[in-house]
């Protein structure tokens, strides 16, 4: 099989989507840890993206009446963007595949062909990456506003700041 620009763009999307889910899990972990100090990261990280999104919303509900500026932005901008990305990704990750004439994907339920082009994959990849960075920054700021203890904030920095974030850029 010859290298394919769409397949390459899809691969980059998958890496960036994994980074987004890592950021989501990390956000849930540190917000939850304020209430449940003994919670382990693995207990959160094993959740599905849908469960993580629900868990983030639950954690935001716990502090909604405290008036932090980051909460509406996380709730009204970040969460819907994650849903949009998942809405595009999920049918493609669970698709029927035809390899007879290249790569053709079909929706598992409707059996309709799914559009997937290199530019579309790149657009969704860029969106996933920007949402991951935005959510990480908002959660760091929120934890600082919540006066999270110094140990928690230093651990957060280690988990959320990859050694070289440029490795994930296109």
Protein backbone atom coordinates (compact mmCIF):
# COMPACT_ATOMS: atom_id res chain seq x y z
CA UNK A 1 0.00 0.00 0.00
CA UNK A 2 1.33 3.44 -0.95
CA UNK A 3 1.54 6.25 1.61
CA UNK A 4 -1.72 8.16 1.60
CA UNK A 5 -2.17 11.82 2.68
CA UNK A 6 -5.59 11.08 4.19
CA UNK A 7 -4.24 8.15 6.19
CA UNK A 8 -1.36 10.32 7.44
CA UNK A 9 -3.73 13.14 8.40
CA UNK A 10 -6.02 10.63 10.15
CA UNK A 11 -3.04 9.31 12.12
CA UNK A 12 -2.12 12.83 13.28
CA UNK A 13 -5.75 13.43 14.23
CA UNK A 14 -5.73 10.26 16.35
CA UNK A 15 -2.60 11.39 18.21
CA UNK A 16 -4.05 14.82 18.86
CA UNK A 17 -7.38 13.32 19.91
CA UNK A 18 -5.49 11.14 22.41
CA UNK A 19 -3.79 14.30 23.72
CA UNK A 20 -7.21 15.97 24.08
CA UNK A 21 -8.56 13.00 26.05
CA UNK A 22 -5.43 13.01 28.22
CA UNK A 23 -6.05 16.69 29.01
CA UNK A 24 -9.70 15.94 29.75
CA UNK A 25 -8.79 13.08 32.10
CA UNK A 26 -6.18 15.23 33.82
CA UNK A 27 -8.71 18.04 34.34
CA UNK A 28 -11.23 15.64 35.85
CA UNK A 29 -8.57 14.08 38.06
CA UNK A 30 -7.39 17.34 39.60
CA UNK A 31 -10.86 18.79 40.05
CA UNK A 32 -12.10 15.54 41.61
CA UNK A 33 -9.01 15.25 43.79
CA UNK A 34 -10.03 18.39 45.63
CA UNK A 35 -13.05 16.43 46.95
CA UNK A 36 -11.53 12.94 46.97
CA UNK A 37 -7.84 13.28 47.89
CA UNK A 38 -7.16 9.54 47.64
CA UNK A 39 -8.41 9.13 44.07
CA UNK A 40 -5.88 7.58 41.68
CA UNK A 41 -5.24 8.92 38.18
CA UNK A 42 -5.83 5.44 36.71
CA UNK A 43 -9.38 5.46 38.07
CA UNK A 44 -10.11 8.51 35.92
CA UNK A 45 -7.94 7.78 32.88
CA UNK A 46 -9.66 4.43 32.21
CA UNK A 47 -13.00 6.17 31.57
CA UNK A 48 -14.34 6.58 28.04
CA UNK A 49 -14.31 10.05 26.46
CA UNK A 50 -18.08 10.31 27.04
CA UNK A 51 -17.65 9.41 30.71
CA UNK A 52 -14.82 11.92 31.08
CA UNK A 53 -16.89 14.69 29.54
CA UNK A 54 -19.78 13.91 31.90
CA UNK A 55 -17.35 13.77 34.82
CA UNK A 56 -15.90 17.18 33.89
CA UNK A 57 -19.38 18.66 33.78
CA UNK A 58 -20.15 17.08 37.17
CA UNK A 59 -16.99 18.57 38.66
CA UNK A 60 -17.87 21.98 37.25
CA UNK A 61 -21.36 21.64 38.80
CA UNK A 62 -19.70 21.14 42.19
CA UNK A 63 -18.11 24.59 42.02
CA UNK A 64 -20.54 26.44 39.71
CA UNK A 65 -21.84 28.77 42.40
CA UNK A 66 -18.34 29.98 43.27
CA UNK A 67 -18.32 32.39 40.30
CA UNK A 68 -15.07 31.41 38.57
CA UNK A 69 -14.70 32.92 35.08
CA UNK A 70 -13.26 29.69 33.65
CA UNK A 71 -16.38 27.63 34.34
CA UNK A 72 -18.65 29.18 31.67
CA UNK A 73 -15.86 28.99 29.11
CA UNK A 74 -15.18 25.33 29.88
CA UNK A 75 -18.90 24.57 29.84
CA UNK A 76 -19.95 26.68 26.83
CA UNK A 77 -16.88 26.52 24.60
CA UNK A 78 -14.69 23.54 25.46
CA UNK A 79 -17.33 20.88 26.17
CA UNK A 80 -19.33 21.52 22.96
CA UNK A 81 -16.12 21.48 20.90
CA UNK A 82 -15.15 18.13 22.41
CA UNK A 83 -18.62 16.82 21.53
CA UNK A 84 -18.21 18.12 17.97
CA UNK A 85 -14.84 16.40 17.59
CA UNK A 86 -16.21 13.15 19.03
CA UNK A 87 -19.26 13.40 16.79
CA UNK A 88 -16.97 13.45 13.76
CA UNK A 89 -14.51 10.85 15.06
CA UNK A 90 -16.78 8.19 16.51
CA UNK A 91 -18.51 7.05 13.30
CA UNK A 92 -15.12 6.86 11.58
CA UNK A 93 -13.38 4.95 14.33
CA UNK A 94 -16.22 2.40 14.45
CA UNK A 95 -16.80 2.26 10.69
CA UNK A 96 -17.19 -0.54 8.21
CA UNK A 97 -14.11 -0.50 5.98
CA UNK A 98 -13.79 -1.30 2.29
CA UNK A 99 -10.24 -1.63 0.97
CA UNK A 100 -11.08 -2.69 -2.61
CA UNK A 101 -10.46 0.71 -4.22
CA UNK A 102 -8.43 2.59 -1.65
CA UNK A 103 -9.93 3.22 1.77
CA UNK A 104 -13.66 3.76 1.99
CA UNK A 105 -15.49 4.03 5.29
CA UNK A 106 -19.17 3.39 5.91
CA UNK A 107 -21.26 4.26 8.94
CA UNK A 108 -21.79 1.06 10.91
CA UNK A 109 -25.47 1.79 11.56
CA UNK A 110 -26.69 3.54 8.42
CA UNK A 111 -24.18 1.98 6.01
CA UNK A 112 -23.82 5.37 4.30
CA UNK A 113 -20.37 6.31 3.09
CA UNK A 114 -18.47 8.59 5.44
CA UNK A 115 -16.55 11.46 3.95
CA UNK A 116 -12.93 11.58 5.07
CA UNK A 117 -10.35 13.72 3.30
CA UNK A 118 -6.88 14.87 4.27
CA UNK A 119 -7.99 18.53 4.64
CA UNK A 120 -10.96 17.47 6.78
CA UNK A 121 -8.72 15.31 9.01
CA UNK A 122 -6.25 18.20 9.32
CA UNK A 123 -9.04 20.60 10.27
CA UNK A 124 -10.36 18.27 12.98
CA UNK A 125 -6.79 17.56 14.13
CA UNK A 126 -6.11 21.28 14.54
CA UNK A 127 -9.39 21.70 16.41
CA UNK A 128 -8.61 18.81 18.78
CA UNK A 129 -5.17 20.24 19.49
CA UNK A 130 -6.41 23.79 20.10
CA UNK A 131 -9.23 22.58 22.37
CA UNK A 132 -6.73 20.46 24.35
CA UNK A 133 -4.45 23.46 24.87
CA UNK A 134 -7.35 25.74 25.75
CA UNK A 135 -8.87 23.32 28.25
CA UNK A 136 -5.50 22.71 29.90
CA UNK A 137 -4.93 26.44 30.35
CA UNK A 138 -8.44 27.04 31.69
CA UNK A 139 -8.15 24.18 34.19
CA UNK A 140 -4.76 25.42 35.42
CA UNK A 141 -6.23 28.87 35.89
CA UNK A 142 -9.31 27.47 37.61
CA UNK A 143 -7.21 25.42 40.03
CA UNK A 144 -5.16 28.52 40.85
CA UNK A 145 -8.42 30.43 41.48
CA UNK A 146 -9.62 27.60 43.70
CA UNK A 147 -6.39 27.93 45.67
CA UNK A 148 -5.48 24.31 45.06
CA UNK A 149 -2.59 23.30 47.26
CA UNK A 150 0.96 23.77 46.00
CA UNK A 151 1.61 20.02 45.60
CA UNK A 152 -1.48 19.64 43.42
CA UNK A 153 -0.51 22.57 41.20
CA UNK A 154 3.07 21.33 40.76
CA UNK A 155 1.81 17.83 39.88
CA UNK A 156 -0.64 19.40 37.42
CA UNK A 157 2.20 21.25 35.72
CA UNK A 158 4.13 18.01 35.30
CA UNK A 159 1.12 16.14 33.86
CA UNK A 160 -0.27 18.89 31.62
CA UNK A 161 2.96 20.31 30.25
CA UNK A 162 4.59 17.85 27.86
CA UNK A 163 8.39 18.25 27.68
CA UNK A 164 8.10 19.59 24.14
CA UNK A 165 4.60 20.57 23.04
CA UNK A 166 5.93 21.25 19.52
CA UNK A 167 6.11 17.48 19.01
CA UNK A 168 2.32 17.47 18.66
CA UNK A 169 2.12 20.33 16.17
CA UNK A 170 1.81 19.66 12.48
